[in-house]
Amino acid sequence: MTSPSLPSDLRAALDGKLDGLSRQDIAARAALISKTYRDGGNSITIKSEVDALAYALVRMPATYAAVTACLNALLEARPDLTPQSLLDVGAGPGTGSWAAAEAFASLRQFMLLDINAALLTLARDLSRDHPRLSAMTYRRDPAALDEVEAADLVIASYLIGETGYAERHQLTERLWARTRDTLLVVEPGTPAGYQRIIALRAQLIESGAHVVAPCPHDLECPLSKPDWCHFAQRLPRLRAHIQVKGAELPFEDEKFSYVVLSREPAPRHFSRVLAPPDVGKVEVSARLCTADGLENAKVPRRDKPAYAKARRWRWGEAVVDKS
């Protein structure tokens, strides 16, 4: 499994871009950008190289960790997957491309799409010395998604929520049209983010797609309000990240919702852990999404082999053998 931490060469590239810049200025710009996103805005406030760097320092570690967690789940389900080409839609500073490059040594072609020139310039600069990413191509015109070649793997991370409700159905169709094999869509792990994922999932299943992860089935999601399907990935904070965010803890937990869809059905013999298990002295209790629906699994301590396995279950993990 790929580590959720930023690769060392990406950290070095970010540190190099910070040389000579005021941390206070970057922190102020990062705060403004974060407020814009919280208020429902998009990348329109990111206009300069410093703006793009501020955004990258605040969001790149968490986005990388979330996308990496999703790709790890994909590889659990399809360990033989060897995509050659990637289409990173709404690529920003190239976070999804970095995560995919780490997960798949087979990737050779990287196409990045984003309408923000400052973010694409930063993506190019950060990958300049990477043996494969340095050959990335990119486009920033709005029509690019309908014109580029289909790719084996398509990633759209934290993109759907930046589009209007009326546009999402069409965007979903456009993403799928450019997917030769596998599509990964990631959204914030909020009820609203989950609803966007569920809507996209239902639309594409109707179009013939098959769910690879996190669901062990193609059926309707068995969760009902106030529950929603989301996961969390803990990641260490970079020193510059701590400085810019004014954070106290050396780590953060990124919560996300996601779906991986494929044109071919994947073999599925697992259940998904939907929440942190309750590990007690008498038993391990865990909520699982199974091929037959929700299950509140209880593994008693007297069943020592099963109890030992269950103690190691983690939120978001695929459990192959519950017994």
Protein backbone atom coordinates (compact mmCIF):
# COMPACT_ATOMS: atom_id res chain seq x y z
CA MET A 1 0.00 0.00 0.00
CA THR A 2 1.18 3.51 -0.82
CA SER A 3 1.97 5.81 2.10
CA PRO A 4 -0.43 8.76 2.64
CA SER A 5 2.53 11.11 3.17
CA LEU A 6 3.70 13.31 0.32
CA PRO A 7 6.64 11.74 -1.57
CA SER A 8 10.04 13.09 -0.58
CA ASP A 9 10.68 14.62 -4.02
CA LEU A 10 7.37 16.48 -3.88
CA ARG A 11 8.13 17.78 -0.38
CA ALA A 12 11.54 18.95 -1.60
CA ALA A 13 9.96 20.69 -4.58
CA LEU A 14 7.48 22.51 -2.32
CA ASP A 15 10.27 23.55 0.07
CA GLY A 16 12.27 24.86 -2.87
CA LYS A 17 9.34 27.02 -3.99
CA LEU A 18 9.11 28.48 -0.48
CA ASP A 19 12.66 29.82 -0.42
CA GLY A 20 12.66 33.57 0.14
CA LEU A 21 8.89 33.87 0.58
CA SER A 22 7.16 35.32 3.62
CA ARG A 23 5.34 32.65 5.65
CA GLN A 24 3.06 35.38 6.99
CA ASP A 25 2.06 36.46 3.48
CA ILE A 26 1.44 32.88 2.41
CA ALA A 27 -0.61 32.22 5.55
CA ALA A 28 -2.80 35.26 4.83
CA ARG A 29 -3.36 34.18 1.24
CA ALA A 30 -4.11 30.61 2.35
CA ALA A 31 -6.71 31.86 4.83
CA LEU A 32 -8.46 33.88 2.10
CA ILE A 33 -8.46 30.94 -0.30
CA SER A 34 -9.80 28.59 2.39
CA LYS A 35 -12.60 31.02 3.24
CA THR A 36 -13.56 31.23 -0.43
CA TYR A 37 -13.89 27.45 -0.66
CA ARG A 38 -15.83 27.23 2.61
CA ASP A 39 -18.25 29.83 1.28
CA GLY A 40 -18.93 27.69 -1.79
CA GLY A 41 -16.42 29.36 -4.12
CA ASN A 42 -13.78 27.85 -6.35
CA SER A 43 -10.23 28.51 -7.53
CA ILE A 44 -11.02 31.94 -8.99
CA THR A 45 -9.13 33.66 -6.13
CA ILE A 46 -5.93 31.74 -7.01
CA LYS A 47 -4.32 34.14 -9.48
CA SER A 48 -0.59 34.21 -8.79
CA GLU A 49 2.29 31.83 -8.15
CA VAL A 50 2.18 32.66 -4.44
CA ASP A 51 -1.58 32.05 -4.33
CA ALA A 52 -1.09 28.65 -5.94
CA LEU A 53 1.69 27.76 -3.52
CA ALA A 54 -0.43 28.82 -0.53
CA TYR A 55 -3.25 26.60 -1.77
CA ALA A 56 -0.86 23.68 -2.29
CA LEU A 57 0.58 23.95 1.22
CA VAL A 58 -2.88 23.96 2.79
CA ARG A 59 -4.64 21.35 0.64
CA MET A 60 -2.10 19.23 -1.19
CA PRO A 61 -1.10 16.97 1.76
CA ALA A 62 -4.71 16.16 2.67
CA THR A 63 -5.88 15.70 -0.91
CA TYR A 64 -2.90 13.47 -1.65
CA ALA A 65 -3.66 11.36 1.43
CA ALA A 66 -7.33 10.94 0.50
CA VAL A 67 -6.64 10.06 -3.14
CA THR A 68 -3.92 7.63 -2.07
CA ALA A 69 -6.33 5.90 0.33
CA CYS A 70 -8.81 5.48 -2.53
CA LEU A 71 -6.15 4.13 -4.89
CA ASN A 72 -5.04 1.67 -2.20
CA ALA A 73 -8.65 0.45 -1.98
CA LEU A 74 -8.72 0.11 -5.76
CA LEU A 75 -5.54 -1.97 -5.72
CA GLU A 76 -6.97 -4.18 -2.97
CA ALA A 77 -9.86 -5.01 -5.27
CA ARG A 78 -7.86 -5.14 -8.51
CA PRO A 79 -4.22 -5.92 -7.68
CA ASP A 80 -3.49 -6.74 -11.32
CA LEU A 81 -4.51 -3.28 -12.60
CA THR A 82 -1.73 -1.67 -14.68
CA PRO A 83 -3.02 1.54 -16.28
CA GLN A 84 -0.81 3.19 -18.87
CA SER A 85 -2.57 6.55 -19.11
CA LEU A 86 -4.08 8.97 -16.59
CA LEU A 87 -6.52 11.84 -17.04
CA ASP A 88 -6.51 14.13 -13.98
CA VAL A 89 -9.62 16.34 -14.23
CA GLY A 90 -9.65 19.46 -12.08
CA ALA A 91 -6.01 18.64 -11.44
CA GLY A 92 -5.06 21.77 -9.49
CA PRO A 93 -1.34 21.51 -8.61
CA GLY A 94 -1.27 17.90 -9.80
CA THR A 95 -2.03 16.17 -6.52
CA GLY A 96 -3.99 13.29 -8.02
CA SER A 97 -1.31 12.72 -10.65
CA TRP A 98 1.39 12.43 -7.97
CA ALA A 99 -0.73 9.95 -6.01
CA ALA A 100 -1.43 7.87 -9.13
CA ALA A 101 2.24 7.90 -10.14
CA GLU A 102 3.18 6.52 -6.72
CA ALA A 103 0.45 3.86 -6.82
CA PHE A 104 1.01 2.71 -10.41
CA ALA A 105 4.52 2.29 -11.79
CA SER A 106 2.84 1.37 -15.08
CA LEU A 107 1.61 4.92 -15.76
CA ARG A 108 3.43 6.67 -18.58
CA GLN A 109 0.98 9.27 -19.92
CA PHE A 110 -0.34 12.05 -17.70
CA MET A 111 -2.89 14.57 -18.97
CA LEU A 112 -3.92 17.30 -16.51
CA LEU A 113 -7.00 19.48 -17.00
CA ASP A 114 -7.72 22.61 -14.99
CA ILE A 115 -8.98 26.06 -15.92
CA ASN A 116 -6.67 27.78 -13.42
CA ALA A 117 -3.39 28.81 -15.06
CA ALA A 118 -1.52 29.44 -11.79
CA LEU A 119 -2.28 25.96 -10.46
CA LEU A 120 -1.26 24.25 -13.71
CA THR A 121 1.98 26.22 -13.77
CA LEU A 122 2.72 25.06 -10.23
CA ALA A 123 1.88 21.47 -11.22
CA ARG A 124 4.42 21.68 -14.04
CA ASP A 125 7.09 23.24 -11.79
CA LEU A 126 6.67 20.70 -8.98
CA SER A 127 7.00 17.76 -11.38
CA ARG A 128 9.92 19.12 -13.38
CA ASP A 129 12.43 16.57 -12.01
CA HIS A 130 10.08 13.58 -11.75
CA PRO A 131 11.12 10.75 -14.12
CA ARG A 132 7.55 10.28 -15.44
CA LEU A 133 5.47 13.27 -14.38
CA SER A 134 7.90 15.67 -16.02
CA ALA A 135 6.44 14.58 -19.36
CA MET A 136 2.88 15.53 -18.35
CA THR A 137 0.70 17.43 -20.79
CA TYR A 138 -2.06 19.78 -19.73
CA ARG A 139 -4.90 21.91 -21.00
CA ARG A 140 -6.90 24.67 -19.35
CA ASP A 141 -9.64 25.38 -21.89
CA PRO A 142 -13.17 24.39 -20.75
CA ALA A 143 -13.72 22.21 -23.85
CA ALA A 144 -10.66 20.05 -23.15
CA LEU A 145 -12.58 17.29 -21.36
CA ASP A 146 -14.59 16.61 -24.50
CA GLU A 147 -11.57 16.66 -26.79
CA VAL A 148 -8.76 14.73 -25.08
CA GLU A 149 -8.29 11.01 -25.60
CA ALA A 150 -9.85 8.57 -23.18
CA ALA A 151 -7.51 7.30 -20.45
CA ASP A 152 -7.17 4.00 -18.63
CA LEU A 153 -7.56 5.79 -15.29
CA VAL A 154 -9.52 9.02 -14.74
CA ILE A 155 -9.37 10.92 -11.44
CA ALA A 156 -11.67 13.76 -10.41
CA SER A 157 -10.82 14.79 -6.84
CA TYR A 158 -12.77 17.52 -5.05
CA LEU A 159 -14.21 18.69 -8.38
CA ILE A 160 -17.91 17.81 -8.48
CA GLY A 161 -18.72 20.14 -5.59
CA GLU A 162 -17.28 23.09 -7.52
CA THR A 163 -19.89 22.71 -10.25
CA GLY A 164 -23.50 23.78 -10.17
CA TYR A 165 -26.23 21.22 -9.49
CA ALA A 166 -27.56 21.45 -13.05
CA GLU A 167 -24.08 20.76 -14.49
CA ARG A 168 -23.28 17.65 -12.47
CA HIS A 169 -25.29 15.14 -14.49
CA GLN A 170 -23.60 16.24 -17.70
CA LEU A 171 -20.15 16.38 -16.07
CA THR A 172 -20.63 12.81 -14.85
CA GLU A 173 -21.41 11.68 -18.40
CA ARG A 174 -18.36 13.53 -19.74
CA LEU A 175 -16.04 11.95 -17.16
CA TRP A 176 -17.33 8.47 -17.96
CA ALA A 177 -16.98 9.09 -21.70
CA ARG A 178 -13.25 9.69 -21.16
CA THR A 179 -12.82 6.60 -18.96
CA ARG A 180 -11.36 3.64 -20.81
CA ASP A 181 -11.25 1.44 -17.72
CA THR A 182 -11.48 2.99 -14.24
CA LEU A 183 -12.88 6.24 -12.79
CA LEU A 184 -12.14 7.54 -9.29
CA VAL A 185 -14.20 10.41 -7.90
CA VAL A 186 -13.40 11.88 -4.47
CA GLU A 187 -15.41 14.48 -2.55
CA PRO A 188 -15.28 15.90 1.00
CA GLY A 189 -16.51 13.48 3.65
CA THR A 190 -19.58 15.54 4.48
CA PRO A 191 -23.25 14.63 4.00
CA ALA A 192 -23.31 16.93 0.95
CA GLY A 193 -20.15 15.35 -0.49
CA TYR A 194 -21.59 11.88 0.06
CA GLN A 195 -24.82 12.85 -1.72
CA ARG A 196 -22.83 13.99 -4.75
CA ILE A 197 -20.96 10.68 -4.80
CA ILE A 198 -24.17 8.68 -4.46
CA ALA A 199 -25.85 10.58 -7.29
CA LEU A 200 -22.86 10.04 -9.59
CA ARG A 201 -22.65 6.38 -8.58
CA ALA A 202 -26.33 5.74 -9.36
CA GLN A 203 -26.12 7.56 -12.69
CA LEU A 204 -23.11 5.59 -13.89
CA ILE A 205 -24.38 2.20 -12.68
CA GLU A 206 -27.44 2.89 -14.83
CA SER A 207 -25.02 3.54 -17.71
CA GLY A 208 -23.38 0.13 -17.22
CA ALA A 209 -20.59 0.91 -14.74
CA HIS A 210 -19.56 -1.45 -11.95
CA VAL A 211 -18.50 -0.38 -8.45
CA VAL A 212 -15.00 -1.46 -7.45
CA ALA A 213 -14.76 0.38 -4.10
CA PRO A 214 -15.75 1.18 -1.45
CA CYS A 215 -19.01 -0.74 -1.95
CA PRO A 216 -19.04 -4.56 -2.12
CA HIS A 217 -22.07 -4.38 -4.44
CA ASP A 218 -23.77 -2.35 -7.18
CA LEU A 219 -27.00 -2.05 -5.22
CA GLU A 220 -28.47 1.09 -3.72
CA CYS A 221 -26.54 2.39 -0.72
CA PRO A 222 -28.09 0.81 2.39
CA LEU A 223 -27.30 3.80 4.62
CA SER A 224 -30.04 6.25 5.54
CA LYS A 225 -29.97 9.66 7.22
CA PRO A 226 -28.40 10.76 9.47
CA ASP A 227 -25.70 8.26 8.42
CA TRP A 228 -23.52 8.81 5.40
CA CYS A 229 -20.65 6.83 3.90
CA HIS A 230 -17.30 8.49 4.48
CA PHE A 231 -13.81 7.60 5.62
CA ALA A 232 -10.79 9.26 7.21
CA GLN A 233 -7.07 9.22 6.51
CA ARG A 234 -4.56 10.45 9.07
CA LEU A 235 -1.53 12.23 7.66
CA PRO A 236 1.50 14.01 9.12
CA ARG A 237 1.69 17.76 8.64
CA LEU A 238 4.73 19.31 7.01
CA ARG A 239 6.52 21.99 9.02
CA ALA A 240 5.52 24.62 6.45
CA HIS A 241 1.97 23.26 6.56
CA ILE A 242 1.85 23.76 10.34
CA GLN A 243 3.24 27.30 9.99
CA VAL A 244 0.79 28.32 7.28
CA LYS A 245 -2.28 26.87 9.00
CA GLY A 246 -1.23 27.93 12.49
CA ALA A 247 -1.87 24.34 13.56
CA GLU A 248 -0.84 22.86 16.89
CA LEU A 249 -1.06 19.12 16.18
CA PRO A 250 1.59 17.45 13.98
CA PHE A 251 -1.11 15.53 12.10
CA GLU A 252 -4.58 15.92 10.69
CA ASP A 253 -7.42 13.61 9.65
CA GLU A 254 -8.84 14.15 6.18
CA LYS A 255 -12.42 12.92 5.84
CA PHE A 256 -13.62 12.01 2.37
CA SER A 257 -16.28 10.15 0.40
CA TYR A 258 -15.42 8.37 -2.83
CA VAL A 259 -16.38 5.85 -5.45
CA VAL A 260 -14.29 3.82 -7.89
CA LEU A 261 -16.14 2.59 -10.97
CA SER A 262 -15.00 0.32 -13.77
CA ARG A 263 -16.26 -0.77 -17.16
CA GLU A 264 -15.67 -4.40 -16.18
CA PRO A 265 -17.00 -6.04 -13.01
CA ALA A 266 -14.30 -6.63 -10.41
CA PRO A 267 -14.20 -9.80 -8.31
CA ARG A 268 -15.65 -8.85 -4.92
CA HIS A 269 -15.34 -11.04 -1.87
CA PHE A 270 -15.15 -8.47 0.87
CA SER A 271 -17.09 -6.26 3.27
CA ARG A 272 -16.20 -2.65 4.09
CA VAL A 273 -15.68 -1.35 7.62
CA LEU A 274 -17.92 1.73 7.82
CA ALA A 275 -16.77 3.20 11.14
CA PRO A 276 -14.01 2.76 13.72
CA PRO A 277 -14.58 -0.67 15.33
CA ASP A 278 -15.26 -0.92 19.04
CA VAL A 279 -12.53 -3.17 20.43
CA GLY A 280 -13.47 -4.51 23.83
CA LYS A 281 -12.19 -7.21 26.14
CA VAL A 282 -15.21 -9.42 25.42
CA GLU A 283 -15.70 -8.81 21.69
CA VAL A 284 -14.99 -6.60 18.69
CA SER A 285 -18.02 -4.81 17.30
CA ALA A 286 -17.97 -3.29 13.84
CA ARG A 287 -20.44 -1.93 11.34
CA LEU A 288 -19.88 -3.51 7.94
CA CYS A 289 -21.28 -2.92 4.48
CA THR A 290 -21.63 -6.37 2.93
CA ALA A 291 -22.88 -7.76 -0.37
CA ASP A 292 -26.20 -8.37 1.42
CA GLY A 293 -26.48 -4.98 3.13
CA LEU A 294 -25.50 -3.60 6.52
CA GLU A 295 -24.24 -5.90 9.24
CA ASN A 296 -23.40 -5.14 12.85
CA ALA A 297 -20.66 -7.74 13.23
CA LYS A 298 -19.69 -9.01 16.67
CA VAL A 299 -16.59 -11.16 17.01
CA PRO A 300 -16.27 -12.76 20.47
CA ARG A 301 -12.95 -13.10 22.21
CA ARG A 302 -13.50 -16.81 22.73
CA ASP A 303 -13.04 -17.23 18.97
CA LYS A 304 -9.36 -16.39 19.26
CA PRO A 305 -8.28 -16.48 15.57
CA ALA A 306 -11.25 -14.39 14.42
CA TYR A 307 -10.90 -12.00 17.37
CA ALA A 308 -7.22 -11.47 16.58
CA LYS A 309 -8.12 -10.56 12.99
CA ALA A 310 -11.00 -8.30 14.02
CA ARG A 311 -8.78 -6.36 16.44
CA ARG A 312 -6.79 -5.23 13.40
CA TRP A 313 -9.79 -3.98 11.43
CA ARG A 314 -9.59 -0.31 10.55
CA TRP A 315 -12.20 2.19 9.38
CA GLY A 316 -12.44 1.97 5.59
CA GLU A 317 -10.69 -1.39 5.34
CA ALA A 318 -11.89 -4.19 3.09
CA VAL A 319 -12.49 -7.24 5.25
CA VAL A 320 -12.10 -10.37 3.15
CA ASP A 321 -12.94 -12.90 5.85
CA LYS A 322 -15.21 -11.80 8.70
CA SER A 323 -15.28 -15.19 10.36
